[in-house]
Amino acid sequence: MTTESTTPQWVKSSYSDNGGSCVEWAPATASATGIVPVRDSKNPGGPALALAADTFAAFVAGVQAGGFDAA
């Protein structure tokens, strides 16, 4: 029997080298619980958001579609 760690295993955004405006998320936690923890990569000891997986997926789709691009 394997037990999953209660400490999230954080993954940085693939865009982390773009000047510091980056996030990290914990995909293993997301797949196990349906909650996607997200935090500021510059402040790993700070707060983390807990997003429902479908909400996070909608956000990512919106980003990919350019929905948050500056005008």
PDB file of N, CA and C in Angstrom:
ATOM      1  N   MET A   1       0.847  -1.166   0.000  1.00  0.00           N
ATOM      2  CA  MET A   1       0.000   0.000   0.000  1.00  0.00           C
ATOM      3  C   MET A   1       0.903   1.243   0.000  1.00  0.00           C
ATOM      4  N   THR A   2       0.623   2.182  -0.900  1.00  0.00           N
ATOM      5  CA  THR A   2       1.385   3.425  -0.924  1.00  0.00           C
ATOM      6  C   THR A   2       0.532   4.539  -0.333  1.00  0.00           C
ATOM      7  N   THR A   3       1.199   5.457   0.321  1.00  0.00           N
ATOM      8  CA  THR A   3       0.488   6.606   0.853  1.00  0.00           C
ATOM      9  C   THR A   3       1.015   7.851   0.181  1.00  0.00           C
ATOM     10  N   GLU A   4       0.106   8.726  -0.162  1.00  0.00           N
ATOM     11  CA  GLU A   4       0.480   9.973  -0.818  1.00  0.00           C
ATOM     12  C   GLU A   4       0.862  10.992   0.240  1.00  0.00           C
ATOM     13  N   SER A   5       1.911  11.731  -0.015  1.00  0.00           N
ATOM     14  CA  SER A   5       2.351  12.768   0.889  1.00  0.00           C
ATOM     15  C   SER A   5       1.289  13.860   0.979  1.00  0.00           C
ATOM     16  N   THR A   6       1.144  14.434   2.165  1.00  0.00           N
ATOM     17  CA  THR A   6       0.212  15.532   2.322  1.00  0.00           C
ATOM     18  C   THR A   6       0.840  16.865   1.918  1.00  0.00           C
ATOM     19  N   THR A   7       2.154  16.864   1.689  1.00  0.00           N
ATOM     20  CA  THR A   7       2.827  18.072   1.238  1.00  0.00           C
ATOM     21  C   THR A   7       2.758  18.132  -0.286  1.00  0.00           C
ATOM     22  N   PRO A   8       2.193  19.216  -0.829  1.00  0.00           N
ATOM     23  CA  PRO A   8       2.104  19.317  -2.289  1.00  0.00           C
ATOM     24  C   PRO A   8       3.486  19.310  -2.948  1.00  0.00           C
ATOM     25  N   GLN A   9       3.570  18.667  -4.082  1.00  0.00           N
ATOM     26  CA  GLN A   9       4.789  18.685  -4.890  1.00  0.00           C
ATOM     27  C   GLN A   9       4.575  19.747  -5.959  1.00  0.00           C
ATOM     28  N   TRP A  10       5.177  20.906  -5.764  1.00  0.00           N
ATOM     29  CA  TRP A  10       4.935  22.067  -6.616  1.00  0.00           C
ATOM     30  C   TRP A  10       5.692  21.980  -7.926  1.00  0.00           C
ATOM     31  N   VAL A  11       5.059  22.437  -8.989  1.00  0.00           N
ATOM     32  CA  VAL A  11       5.628  22.478 -10.338  1.00  0.00           C
ATOM     33  C   VAL A  11       5.547  23.919 -10.822  1.00  0.00           C
ATOM     34  N   LYS A  12       6.669  24.436 -11.323  1.00  0.00           N
ATOM     35  CA  LYS A  12       6.668  25.807 -11.847  1.00  0.00           C
ATOM     36  C   LYS A  12       6.081  25.848 -13.249  1.00  0.00           C
ATOM     37  N   SER A  13       5.523  26.983 -13.556  1.00  0.00           N
ATOM     38  CA  SER A  13       5.024  27.234 -14.900  1.00  0.00           C
ATOM     39  C   SER A  13       6.145  27.067 -15.912  1.00  0.00           C
ATOM     40  N   SER A  14       5.810  26.612 -17.097  1.00  0.00           N
ATOM     41  CA  SER A  14       6.807  26.488 -18.164  1.00  0.00           C
ATOM     42  C   SER A  14       7.288  27.859 -18.628  1.00  0.00           C
ATOM     43  N   TYR A  15       6.631  28.914 -18.197  1.00  0.00           N
ATOM     44  CA  TYR A  15       7.012  30.282 -18.552  1.00  0.00           C
ATOM     45  C   TYR A  15       7.760  30.973 -17.411  1.00  0.00           C
ATOM     46  N   SER A  16       8.320  30.212 -16.482  1.00  0.00           N
ATOM     47  CA  SER A  16       8.951  30.788 -15.293  1.00  0.00           C
ATOM     48  C   SER A  16      10.133  31.698 -15.585  1.00  0.00           C
ATOM     49  N   ASP A  17      10.755  31.593 -16.710  1.00  0.00           N
ATOM     50  CA  ASP A  17      11.913  32.424 -17.014  1.00  0.00           C
ATOM     51  C   ASP A  17      11.527  33.717 -17.720  1.00  0.00           C
ATOM     52  N   ASN A  18      10.276  34.123 -17.629  1.00  0.00           N
ATOM     53  CA  ASN A  18       9.825  35.299 -18.377  1.00  0.00           C
ATOM     54  C   ASN A  18       9.895  36.603 -17.599  1.00  0.00           C
ATOM     55  N   GLY A  19      10.552  36.637 -16.481  1.00  0.00           N
ATOM     56  CA  GLY A  19      10.682  37.880 -15.736  1.00  0.00           C
ATOM     57  C   GLY A  19      10.097  37.838 -14.338  1.00  0.00           C
ATOM     58  N   GLY A  20       9.616  36.710 -13.903  1.00  0.00           N
ATOM     59  CA  GLY A  20       9.216  36.569 -12.517  1.00  0.00           C
ATOM     60  C   GLY A  20       7.737  36.580 -12.214  1.00  0.00           C
ATOM     61  N   SER A  21       6.884  36.828 -13.168  1.00  0.00           N
ATOM     62  CA  SER A  21       5.440  36.828 -12.907  1.00  0.00           C
ATOM     63  C   SER A  21       4.892  35.429 -13.133  1.00  0.00           C
ATOM     64  N   CYS A  22       5.214  34.523 -12.230  1.00  0.00           N
ATOM     65  CA  CYS A  22       4.916  33.104 -12.460  1.00  0.00           C
ATOM     66  C   CYS A  22       4.145  32.482 -11.305  1.00  0.00           C
ATOM     67  N   VAL A  23       3.548  31.358 -11.611  1.00  0.00           N
ATOM     68  CA  VAL A  23       2.825  30.590 -10.609  1.00  0.00           C
ATOM     69  C   VAL A  23       3.358  29.166 -10.583  1.00  0.00           C
ATOM     70  N   GLU A  24       3.060  28.501  -9.489  1.00  0.00           N
ATOM     71  CA  GLU A  24       3.326  27.072  -9.352  1.00  0.00           C
ATOM     72  C   GLU A  24       1.999  26.401  -9.019  1.00  0.00           C
ATOM     73  N   TRP A  25       1.901  25.143  -9.378  1.00  0.00           N
ATOM     74  CA  TRP A  25       0.714  24.370  -9.037  1.00  0.00           C
ATOM     75  C   TRP A  25       1.148  22.977  -8.640  1.00  0.00           C
ATOM     76  N   ALA A  26       0.239  22.228  -8.033  1.00  0.00           N
ATOM     77  CA  ALA A  26       0.550  20.885  -7.540  1.00  0.00           C
ATOM     78  C   ALA A  26      -0.354  19.864  -8.234  1.00  0.00           C
ATOM     79  N   PRO A  27       0.091  19.349  -9.404  1.00  0.00           N
ATOM     80  CA  PRO A  27      -0.770  18.458 -10.180  1.00  0.00           C
ATOM     81  C   PRO A  27      -1.139  17.154  -9.478  1.00  0.00           C
ATOM     82  N   ALA A  28      -0.252  16.596  -8.660  1.00  0.00           N
ATOM     83  CA  ALA A  28      -0.598  15.342  -7.972  1.00  0.00           C
ATOM     84  C   ALA A  28      -1.728  15.565  -6.982  1.00  0.00           C
ATOM     85  N   THR A  29      -1.697  16.696  -6.300  1.00  0.00           N
ATOM     86  CA  THR A  29      -2.782  17.033  -5.380  1.00  0.00           C
ATOM     87  C   THR A  29      -4.074  17.214  -6.159  1.00  0.00           C
ATOM     88  N   ALA A  30      -3.977  17.865  -7.304  1.00  0.00           N
ATOM     89  CA  ALA A  30      -5.159  18.098  -8.132  1.00  0.00           C
ATOM     90  C   ALA A  30      -5.791  16.792  -8.577  1.00  0.00           C
ATOM     91  N   SER A  31      -4.961  15.857  -9.040  1.00  0.00           N
ATOM     92  CA  SER A  31      -5.533  14.589  -9.523  1.00  0.00           C
ATOM     93  C   SER A  31      -6.094  13.748  -8.382  1.00  0.00           C
ATOM     94  N   ALA A  32      -5.541  13.890  -7.192  1.00  0.00           N
ATOM     95  CA  ALA A  32      -6.018  13.101  -6.056  1.00  0.00           C
ATOM     96  C   ALA A  32      -7.265  13.686  -5.397  1.00  0.00           C
ATOM     97  N   THR A  33      -7.410  15.022  -5.446  1.00  0.00           N
ATOM     98  CA  THR A  33      -8.482  15.660  -4.675  1.00  0.00           C
ATOM     99  C   THR A  33      -9.495  16.437  -5.507  1.00  0.00           C
ATOM    100  N   GLY A  34      -9.139  16.768  -6.756  1.00  0.00           N
ATOM    101  CA  GLY A  34     -10.005  17.614  -7.569  1.00  0.00           C
ATOM    102  C   GLY A  34      -9.826  19.090  -7.271  1.00  0.00           C
ATOM    103  N   ILE A  35      -8.890  19.399  -6.382  1.00  0.00           N
ATOM    104  CA  ILE A  35      -8.562  20.778  -6.028  1.00  0.00           C
ATOM    105  C   ILE A  35      -7.170  21.086  -6.554  1.00  0.00           C
ATOM    106  N   VAL A  36      -7.037  22.220  -7.243  1.00  0.00           N
ATOM    107  CA  VAL A  36      -5.750  22.619  -7.808  1.00  0.00           C
ATOM    108  C   VAL A  36      -5.153  23.717  -6.926  1.00  0.00           C
ATOM    109  N   PRO A  37      -4.109  23.392  -6.161  1.00  0.00           N
ATOM    110  CA  PRO A  37      -3.444  24.429  -5.390  1.00  0.00           C
ATOM    111  C   PRO A  37      -2.525  25.241  -6.301  1.00  0.00           C
ATOM    112  N   VAL A  38      -2.582  26.575  -6.170  1.00  0.00           N
ATOM    113  CA  VAL A  38      -1.799  27.484  -6.996  1.00  0.00           C
ATOM    114  C   VAL A  38      -1.162  28.512  -6.063  1.00  0.00           C
ATOM    115  N   ARG A  39       0.129  28.816  -6.294  1.00  0.00           N
ATOM    116  CA  ARG A  39       0.799  29.819  -5.476  1.00  0.00           C
ATOM    117  C   ARG A  39       1.761  30.648  -6.319  1.00  0.00           C
ATOM    118  N   ASP A  40       2.190  31.771  -5.774  1.00  0.00           N
ATOM    119  CA  ASP A  40       3.153  32.658  -6.404  1.00  0.00           C
ATOM    120  C   ASP A  40       4.535  32.023  -6.275  1.00  0.00           C
ATOM    121  N   SER A  41       5.220  31.814  -7.388  1.00  0.00           N
ATOM    122  CA  SER A  41       6.524  31.158  -7.337  1.00  0.00           C
ATOM    123  C   SER A  41       7.579  32.006  -6.631  1.00  0.00           C
ATOM    124  N   LYS A  42       7.370  33.308  -6.552  1.00  0.00           N
ATOM    125  CA  LYS A  42       8.318  34.176  -5.861  1.00  0.00           C
ATOM    126  C   LYS A  42       8.112  34.171  -4.357  1.00  0.00           C
ATOM    127  N   ASN A  43       6.993  33.652  -3.898  1.00  0.00           N
ATOM    128  CA  ASN A  43       6.665  33.644  -2.481  1.00  0.00           C
ATOM    129  C   ASN A  43       6.147  32.260  -2.075  1.00  0.00           C
ATOM    130  N   PRO A  44       7.005  31.240  -2.115  1.00  0.00           N
ATOM    131  CA  PRO A  44       6.532  29.876  -1.846  1.00  0.00           C
ATOM    132  C   PRO A  44       6.012  29.656  -0.430  1.00  0.00           C
ATOM    133  N   GLY A  45       6.393  30.508   0.506  1.00  0.00           N
ATOM    134  CA  GLY A  45       5.886  30.367   1.865  1.00  0.00           C
ATOM    135  C   GLY A  45       4.584  31.118   2.082  1.00  0.00           C
ATOM    136  N   GLY A  46       4.138  31.836   1.071  1.00  0.00           N
ATOM    137  CA  GLY A  46       2.909  32.623   1.179  1.00  0.00           C
ATOM    138  C   GLY A  46       1.674  31.769   0.961  1.00  0.00           C
ATOM    139  N   PRO A  47       0.545  32.418   0.833  1.00  0.00           N
ATOM    140  CA  PRO A  47      -0.714  31.687   0.687  1.00  0.00           C
ATOM    141  C   PRO A  47      -0.817  30.997  -0.674  1.00  0.00           C
ATOM    142  N   ALA A  48      -1.637  29.978  -0.708  1.00  0.00           N
ATOM    143  CA  ALA A  48      -1.941  29.275  -1.955  1.00  0.00           C
ATOM    144  C   ALA A  48      -3.448  29.336  -2.174  1.00  0.00           C
ATOM    145  N   LEU A  49      -3.827  29.483  -3.424  1.00  0.00           N
ATOM    146  CA  LEU A  49      -5.238  29.417  -3.780  1.00  0.00           C
ATOM    147  C   LEU A  49      -5.630  27.960  -3.958  1.00  0.00           C
ATOM    148  N   ALA A  50      -6.836  27.620  -3.616  1.00  0.00           N
ATOM    149  CA  ALA A  50      -7.364  26.270  -3.818  1.00  0.00           C
ATOM    150  C   ALA A  50      -8.521  26.390  -4.808  1.00  0.00           C
ATOM    151  N   LEU A  51      -8.275  25.981  -6.039  1.00  0.00           N
ATOM    152  CA  LEU A  51      -9.270  26.111  -7.098  1.00  0.00           C
ATOM    153  C   LEU A  51      -9.847  24.750  -7.462  1.00  0.00           C
ATOM    154  N   ALA A  52     -11.136  24.730  -7.743  1.00  0.00           N
ATOM    155  CA  ALA A  52     -11.739  23.498  -8.259  1.00  0.00           C
ATOM    156  C   ALA A  52     -11.089  23.193  -9.609  1.00  0.00           C
ATOM    157  N   ALA A  53     -10.880  21.927  -9.907  1.00  0.00           N
ATOM    158  CA  ALA A  53     -10.180  21.533 -11.131  1.00  0.00           C
ATOM    159  C   ALA A  53     -10.848  22.091 -12.386  1.00  0.00           C
ATOM    160  N   ASP A  54     -12.172  22.094 -12.431  1.00  0.00           N
ATOM    161  CA  ASP A  54     -12.848  22.621 -13.620  1.00  0.00           C
ATOM    162  C   ASP A  54     -12.674  24.135 -13.747  1.00  0.00           C
ATOM    163  N   THR A  55     -12.600  24.830 -12.633  1.00  0.00           N
ATOM    164  CA  THR A  55     -12.348  26.274 -12.650  1.00  0.00           C
ATOM    165  C   THR A  55     -10.947  26.565 -13.165  1.00  0.00           C
ATOM    166  N   PHE A  56      -9.974  25.800 -12.685  1.00  0.00           N
ATOM    167  CA  PHE A  56      -8.597  25.975 -13.139  1.00  0.00           C
ATOM    168  C   PHE A  56      -8.489  25.662 -14.630  1.00  0.00           C
ATOM    169  N   ALA A  57      -9.139  24.609 -15.077  1.00  0.00           N
ATOM    170  CA  ALA A  57      -9.109  24.247 -16.500  1.00  0.00           C
ATOM    171  C   ALA A  57      -9.721  25.353 -17.357  1.00  0.00           C
ATOM    172  N   ALA A  58     -10.810  25.961 -16.893  1.00  0.00           N
ATOM    173  CA  ALA A  58     -11.427  27.062 -17.633  1.00  0.00           C
ATOM    174  C   ALA A  58     -10.498  28.269 -17.683  1.00  0.00           C
ATOM    175  N   PHE A  59      -9.804  28.548 -16.599  1.00  0.00           N
ATOM    176  CA  PHE A  59      -8.841  29.650 -16.575  1.00  0.00           C
ATOM    177  C   PHE A  59      -7.718  29.404 -17.576  1.00  0.00           C
ATOM    178  N   VAL A  60      -7.145  28.212 -17.565  1.00  0.00           N
ATOM    179  CA  VAL A  60      -6.050  27.880 -18.486  1.00  0.00           C
ATOM    180  C   VAL A  60      -6.539  27.992 -19.930  1.00  0.00           C
ATOM    181  N   ALA A  61      -7.734  27.504 -20.212  1.00  0.00           N
ATOM    182  CA  ALA A  61      -8.287  27.613 -21.570  1.00  0.00           C
ATOM    183  C   ALA A  61      -8.454  29.079 -21.969  1.00  0.00           C
ATOM    184  N   GLY A  62      -8.878  29.918 -21.049  1.00  0.00           N
ATOM    185  CA  GLY A  62      -9.019  31.333 -21.323  1.00  0.00           C
ATOM    186  C   GLY A  62      -7.687  32.001 -21.614  1.00  0.00           C
ATOM    187  N   VAL A  63      -6.659  31.631 -20.866  1.00  0.00           N
ATOM    188  CA  VAL A  63      -5.313  32.156 -21.116  1.00  0.00           C
ATOM    189  C   VAL A  63      -4.833  31.715 -22.499  1.00  0.00           C
ATOM    190  N   GLN A  64      -4.992  30.438 -22.787  1.00  0.00           N
ATOM    191  CA  GLN A  64      -4.539  29.921 -24.085  1.00  0.00           C
ATOM    192  C   GLN A  64      -5.283  30.570 -25.250  1.00  0.00           C
ATOM    193  N   ALA A  65      -6.525  30.981 -25.030  1.00  0.00           N
ATOM    194  CA  ALA A  65      -7.322  31.616 -26.082  1.00  0.00           C
ATOM    195  C   ALA A  65      -7.043  33.109 -26.200  1.00  0.00           C
ATOM    196  N   GLY A  66      -6.173  33.624 -25.322  1.00  0.00           N
ATOM    197  CA  GLY A  66      -5.830  35.044 -25.367  1.00  0.00           C
ATOM    198  C   GLY A  66      -6.817  35.934 -24.628  1.00  0.00           C
ATOM    199  N   GLY A  67      -7.666  35.354 -23.820  1.00  0.00           N
ATOM    200  CA  GLY A  67      -8.697  36.103 -23.134  1.00  0.00           C
ATOM    201  C   GLY A  67      -8.200  37.083 -22.095  1.00  0.00           C
ATOM    202  N   PHE A  68      -6.941  36.999 -21.716  1.00  0.00           N
ATOM    203  CA  PHE A  68      -6.402  37.883 -20.680  1.00  0.00           C
ATOM    204  C   PHE A  68      -5.262  38.745 -21.223  1.00  0.00           C
ATOM    205  N   ASP A  69      -5.105  38.778 -22.531  1.00  0.00           N
ATOM    206  CA  ASP A  69      -4.050  39.600 -23.115  1.00  0.00           C
ATOM    207  C   ASP A  69      -4.355  41.080 -22.891  1.00  0.00           C
ATOM    208  N   ALA A  70      -3.295  41.857 -22.666  1.00  0.00           N
ATOM    209  CA  ALA A  70      -3.467  43.301 -22.508  1.00  0.00           C
ATOM    210  C   ALA A  70      -3.894  43.903 -23.846  1.00  0.00           C
ATOM    211  N   ALA A  71      -4.800  44.833 -23.789  1.00  0.00           N
ATOM    212  CA  ALA A  71      -5.307  45.460 -25.014  1.00  0.00           C
ATOM    213  C   ALA A  71      -4.298  46.449 -25.588  1.00  0.00           C
TER     214      ALA A  71
END
